[in-house]
């Protein structure tokens, strides 16, 4: 579902400005992970949310029905300044 060829990545890959997804394991014992979705900019992310809202809801229901996620919490959106001043900075969702 969440791997490199999973349904979420397949959906996100259709969106303009989606760059990549990163996983970080916080605790294997507690099966707690952080997921980072990296976007070219905020506008690409907003357009994705509007254009693919129904598909995201459908996948959320599928995931809930399969019991794959016990709890999901959006920590926020963060802008990364990796390119330096004046460049188009990416948007990271956590």
N, C-alpha and C. Protein backbone atom coordinates (compact mmCIF):
# COMPACT_ATOMS: atom_id res chain seq x y z
N UNK A 1 0.82 -1.21 0.00
CA UNK A 1 0.00 0.00 0.00
C UNK A 1 0.86 1.27 0.00
N UNK A 2 1.92 1.29 0.82
CA UNK A 2 2.71 2.51 0.98
C UNK A 2 4.11 2.42 0.37
N UNK A 3 4.47 1.25 -0.13
CA UNK A 3 5.80 1.05 -0.69
C UNK A 3 5.99 1.76 -2.02
N UNK A 4 7.16 1.59 -2.62
CA UNK A 4 7.50 2.29 -3.86
C UNK A 4 6.52 2.07 -5.01
N UNK A 5 5.84 0.93 -5.05
CA UNK A 5 4.87 0.68 -6.11
C UNK A 5 3.45 0.56 -5.55
N UNK A 6 3.24 1.08 -4.35
CA UNK A 6 1.95 0.98 -3.69
C UNK A 6 0.91 1.96 -4.22
N UNK A 7 -0.31 1.80 -3.77
CA UNK A 7 -1.42 2.61 -4.25
C UNK A 7 -1.27 4.09 -3.96
N UNK A 8 -0.74 4.42 -2.77
CA UNK A 8 -0.57 5.84 -2.45
C UNK A 8 0.44 6.49 -3.38
N UNK A 9 1.58 5.85 -3.58
CA UNK A 9 2.61 6.41 -4.45
C UNK A 9 2.09 6.52 -5.88
N UNK A 10 1.33 5.52 -6.30
CA UNK A 10 0.73 5.55 -7.64
C UNK A 10 -0.19 6.77 -7.80
N UNK A 11 -1.00 7.04 -6.80
CA UNK A 11 -1.90 8.19 -6.84
C UNK A 11 -1.10 9.49 -6.84
N UNK A 12 -0.16 9.61 -5.92
CA UNK A 12 0.62 10.84 -5.82
C UNK A 12 1.42 11.10 -7.09
N UNK A 13 1.91 10.05 -7.73
CA UNK A 13 2.75 10.20 -8.93
C UNK A 13 1.97 10.85 -10.07
N UNK A 14 0.66 10.79 -10.04
CA UNK A 14 -0.15 11.42 -11.08
C UNK A 14 -0.22 12.93 -10.91
N UNK A 15 0.12 13.41 -9.73
CA UNK A 15 -0.02 14.83 -9.41
C UNK A 15 1.20 15.62 -9.85
N UNK A 16 0.95 16.76 -10.43
CA UNK A 16 2.04 17.65 -10.82
C UNK A 16 2.73 18.18 -9.57
N UNK A 17 4.04 18.14 -9.57
CA UNK A 17 4.82 18.71 -8.47
C UNK A 17 5.14 17.76 -7.34
N UNK A 18 4.64 16.52 -7.40
CA UNK A 18 4.99 15.55 -6.35
C UNK A 18 6.39 15.05 -6.62
N UNK A 19 7.26 15.13 -5.62
CA UNK A 19 8.66 14.75 -5.81
C UNK A 19 8.99 13.37 -5.26
N UNK A 20 8.64 13.11 -4.00
CA UNK A 20 8.98 11.80 -3.42
C UNK A 20 8.33 11.62 -2.06
N UNK A 21 8.42 10.39 -1.57
CA UNK A 21 7.93 10.01 -0.25
C UNK A 21 9.10 9.39 0.51
N UNK A 22 9.20 9.75 1.77
CA UNK A 22 10.23 9.18 2.64
C UNK A 22 9.58 8.62 3.89
N UNK A 23 10.08 7.48 4.34
CA UNK A 23 9.61 6.85 5.58
C UNK A 23 10.73 6.90 6.61
N UNK A 24 10.34 7.09 7.85
CA UNK A 24 11.28 6.98 8.96
C UNK A 24 10.60 6.16 10.05
N UNK A 25 11.31 5.17 10.51
CA UNK A 25 10.78 4.32 11.59
C UNK A 25 11.15 4.95 12.93
N UNK A 26 10.14 5.31 13.70
CA UNK A 26 10.38 5.84 15.04
C UNK A 26 10.58 4.71 16.03
N UNK A 27 9.79 3.64 15.89
CA UNK A 27 9.87 2.52 16.82
C UNK A 27 9.35 1.25 16.13
N UNK A 28 10.24 0.30 15.92
CA UNK A 28 9.80 -0.97 15.33
C UNK A 28 8.89 -1.72 16.29
N UNK A 29 9.22 -1.66 17.56
CA UNK A 29 8.44 -2.37 18.58
C UNK A 29 7.00 -1.86 18.60
N UNK A 30 6.83 -0.53 18.53
CA UNK A 30 5.50 0.06 18.57
C UNK A 30 4.90 0.24 17.18
N UNK A 31 5.68 -0.12 16.15
CA UNK A 31 5.25 0.01 14.75
C UNK A 31 4.79 1.44 14.46
N UNK A 32 5.65 2.40 14.81
CA UNK A 32 5.36 3.81 14.64
C UNK A 32 6.31 4.38 13.58
N UNK A 33 5.72 5.01 12.56
CA UNK A 33 6.49 5.52 11.44
C UNK A 33 6.13 6.97 11.15
N UNK A 34 7.07 7.69 10.61
CA UNK A 34 6.82 9.03 10.08
C UNK A 34 6.89 8.92 8.57
N UNK A 35 5.98 9.60 7.90
CA UNK A 35 5.95 9.61 6.44
C UNK A 35 6.07 11.06 5.99
N UNK A 36 6.98 11.29 5.07
CA UNK A 36 7.21 12.63 4.54
C UNK A 36 6.88 12.62 3.05
N UNK A 37 5.94 13.45 2.65
CA UNK A 37 5.62 13.62 1.24
C UNK A 37 6.21 14.96 0.81
N UNK A 38 7.07 14.92 -0.19
CA UNK A 38 7.81 16.09 -0.63
C UNK A 38 7.20 16.61 -1.94
N UNK A 39 6.84 17.88 -1.94
CA UNK A 39 6.21 18.53 -3.09
C UNK A 39 7.10 19.68 -3.57
N UNK A 40 7.01 19.99 -4.84
CA UNK A 40 7.78 21.10 -5.41
C UNK A 40 7.40 22.41 -4.75
N UNK A 41 6.11 22.61 -4.53
CA UNK A 41 5.66 23.84 -3.87
C UNK A 41 4.26 23.63 -3.29
N UNK A 42 3.84 24.61 -2.54
CA UNK A 42 2.55 24.56 -1.84
C UNK A 42 1.38 24.48 -2.82
N UNK A 43 1.48 25.18 -3.95
CA UNK A 43 0.38 25.22 -4.91
C UNK A 43 0.14 23.85 -5.54
N UNK A 44 1.22 23.10 -5.81
CA UNK A 44 1.06 21.75 -6.34
C UNK A 44 0.33 20.87 -5.33
N UNK A 45 0.68 21.00 -4.07
CA UNK A 45 0.03 20.21 -3.02
C UNK A 45 -1.45 20.57 -2.92
N UNK A 46 -1.77 21.85 -2.92
CA UNK A 46 -3.17 22.27 -2.83
C UNK A 46 -3.97 21.79 -4.03
N UNK A 47 -3.39 21.87 -5.22
CA UNK A 47 -4.08 21.40 -6.42
C UNK A 47 -4.34 19.90 -6.33
N UNK A 48 -3.37 19.14 -5.82
CA UNK A 48 -3.55 17.70 -5.63
C UNK A 48 -4.72 17.42 -4.69
N UNK A 49 -4.75 18.13 -3.56
CA UNK A 49 -5.83 17.91 -2.58
C UNK A 49 -7.19 18.16 -3.20
N UNK A 50 -7.31 19.17 -4.03
CA UNK A 50 -8.59 19.47 -4.67
C UNK A 50 -8.92 18.46 -5.77
N UNK A 51 -7.95 18.16 -6.62
CA UNK A 51 -8.21 17.29 -7.77
C UNK A 51 -8.44 15.84 -7.38
N UNK A 52 -7.75 15.36 -6.35
CA UNK A 52 -7.79 13.94 -6.00
C UNK A 52 -8.45 13.67 -4.65
N UNK A 53 -9.30 14.57 -4.19
CA UNK A 53 -9.94 14.42 -2.88
C UNK A 53 -10.72 13.10 -2.77
N UNK A 54 -11.49 12.76 -3.80
CA UNK A 54 -12.30 11.54 -3.74
C UNK A 54 -11.42 10.29 -3.72
N UNK A 55 -10.34 10.28 -4.52
CA UNK A 55 -9.45 9.13 -4.54
C UNK A 55 -8.75 8.95 -3.20
N UNK A 56 -8.36 10.07 -2.57
CA UNK A 56 -7.71 9.99 -1.26
C UNK A 56 -8.68 9.43 -0.21
N UNK A 57 -9.92 9.88 -0.25
CA UNK A 57 -10.93 9.37 0.68
C UNK A 57 -11.16 7.88 0.47
N UNK A 58 -11.21 7.46 -0.79
CA UNK A 58 -11.40 6.04 -1.10
C UNK A 58 -10.24 5.21 -0.54
N UNK A 59 -9.02 5.68 -0.74
CA UNK A 59 -7.86 4.95 -0.20
C UNK A 59 -7.85 4.95 1.32
N UNK A 60 -8.24 6.06 1.93
CA UNK A 60 -8.34 6.10 3.40
C UNK A 60 -9.32 5.05 3.91
N UNK A 61 -10.46 4.92 3.23
CA UNK A 61 -11.46 3.90 3.64
C UNK A 61 -10.91 2.49 3.45
N UNK A 62 -10.21 2.26 2.35
CA UNK A 62 -9.60 0.96 2.10
C UNK A 62 -8.58 0.61 3.18
N UNK A 63 -7.74 1.56 3.51
CA UNK A 63 -6.72 1.36 4.54
C UNK A 63 -7.37 1.08 5.89
N UNK A 64 -8.39 1.84 6.23
CA UNK A 64 -9.10 1.63 7.50
C UNK A 64 -9.75 0.25 7.52
N UNK A 65 -10.36 -0.14 6.40
CA UNK A 65 -11.02 -1.45 6.32
C UNK A 65 -10.05 -2.61 6.45
N UNK A 66 -8.82 -2.41 5.99
CA UNK A 66 -7.80 -3.46 6.07
C UNK A 66 -7.08 -3.45 7.42
N UNK A 67 -7.32 -2.42 8.23
CA UNK A 67 -6.65 -2.32 9.53
C UNK A 67 -5.16 -2.02 9.41
N UNK A 68 -4.75 -1.36 8.33
CA UNK A 68 -3.33 -1.11 8.10
C UNK A 68 -2.79 0.04 8.94
N UNK A 69 -3.64 0.98 9.28
CA UNK A 69 -3.23 2.11 10.10
C UNK A 69 -4.13 2.17 11.32
N UNK A 70 -3.50 2.21 12.47
CA UNK A 70 -4.25 2.31 13.70
C UNK A 70 -4.63 3.76 14.00
N UNK A 71 -3.68 4.67 13.75
CA UNK A 71 -3.93 6.09 13.99
C UNK A 71 -3.04 6.90 13.06
N UNK A 72 -3.60 7.97 12.50
CA UNK A 72 -2.85 8.85 11.62
C UNK A 72 -2.97 10.27 12.14
N UNK A 73 -1.86 10.98 12.16
CA UNK A 73 -1.85 12.34 12.68
C UNK A 73 -1.00 13.21 11.77
N UNK A 74 -1.60 14.23 11.18
CA UNK A 74 -0.86 15.19 10.37
C UNK A 74 -0.19 16.17 11.32
N UNK A 75 1.14 16.17 11.32
CA UNK A 75 1.88 17.04 12.22
C UNK A 75 1.97 18.46 11.69
N UNK A 76 1.87 18.62 10.39
CA UNK A 76 1.90 19.96 9.83
C UNK A 76 2.57 19.98 8.48
N UNK A 77 2.72 21.17 7.94
CA UNK A 77 3.42 21.36 6.68
C UNK A 77 4.63 22.23 6.95
N UNK A 78 5.73 21.89 6.30
CA UNK A 78 7.00 22.56 6.57
C UNK A 78 7.67 22.90 5.25
N UNK A 79 8.18 24.09 5.16
CA UNK A 79 8.91 24.52 3.97
C UNK A 79 10.39 24.32 4.21
N UNK A 80 11.04 23.72 3.24
CA UNK A 80 12.46 23.43 3.35
C UNK A 80 13.24 24.41 2.48
N UNK A 81 14.28 24.99 3.02
CA UNK A 81 15.11 25.94 2.29
C UNK A 81 16.43 25.29 1.91
N UNK A 82 16.35 24.31 1.00
CA UNK A 82 17.55 23.59 0.57
C UNK A 82 18.22 24.27 -0.61
N UNK A 83 17.46 25.08 -1.36
CA UNK A 83 17.98 25.68 -2.58
C UNK A 83 18.63 27.04 -2.35
N UNK A 84 18.44 27.61 -1.19
CA UNK A 84 19.00 28.92 -0.93
C UNK A 84 17.97 30.02 -1.12
N UNK A 85 18.32 31.23 -0.74
CA UNK A 85 17.38 32.35 -0.84
C UNK A 85 16.94 32.59 -2.28
N UNK A 86 15.66 32.91 -2.43
CA UNK A 86 15.15 33.28 -3.73
C UNK A 86 14.75 32.11 -4.61
N UNK A 87 14.99 30.89 -4.18
CA UNK A 87 14.63 29.72 -4.98
C UNK A 87 13.24 29.25 -4.59
N UNK A 88 12.62 28.45 -5.47
CA UNK A 88 11.31 27.87 -5.18
C UNK A 88 11.50 26.72 -4.21
N UNK A 89 11.11 26.90 -2.97
CA UNK A 89 11.34 25.90 -1.92
C UNK A 89 10.26 24.83 -1.94
N UNK A 90 10.63 23.60 -1.59
CA UNK A 90 9.70 22.49 -1.54
C UNK A 90 8.85 22.52 -0.30
N UNK A 91 7.76 21.80 -0.33
CA UNK A 91 6.85 21.68 0.80
C UNK A 91 6.92 20.25 1.29
N UNK A 92 7.16 20.10 2.57
CA UNK A 92 7.22 18.78 3.17
C UNK A 92 6.04 18.61 4.11
N UNK A 93 5.27 17.53 3.93
CA UNK A 93 4.17 17.21 4.83
C UNK A 93 4.61 16.13 5.78
N UNK A 94 4.31 16.29 7.05
CA UNK A 94 4.68 15.30 8.05
C UNK A 94 3.45 14.83 8.76
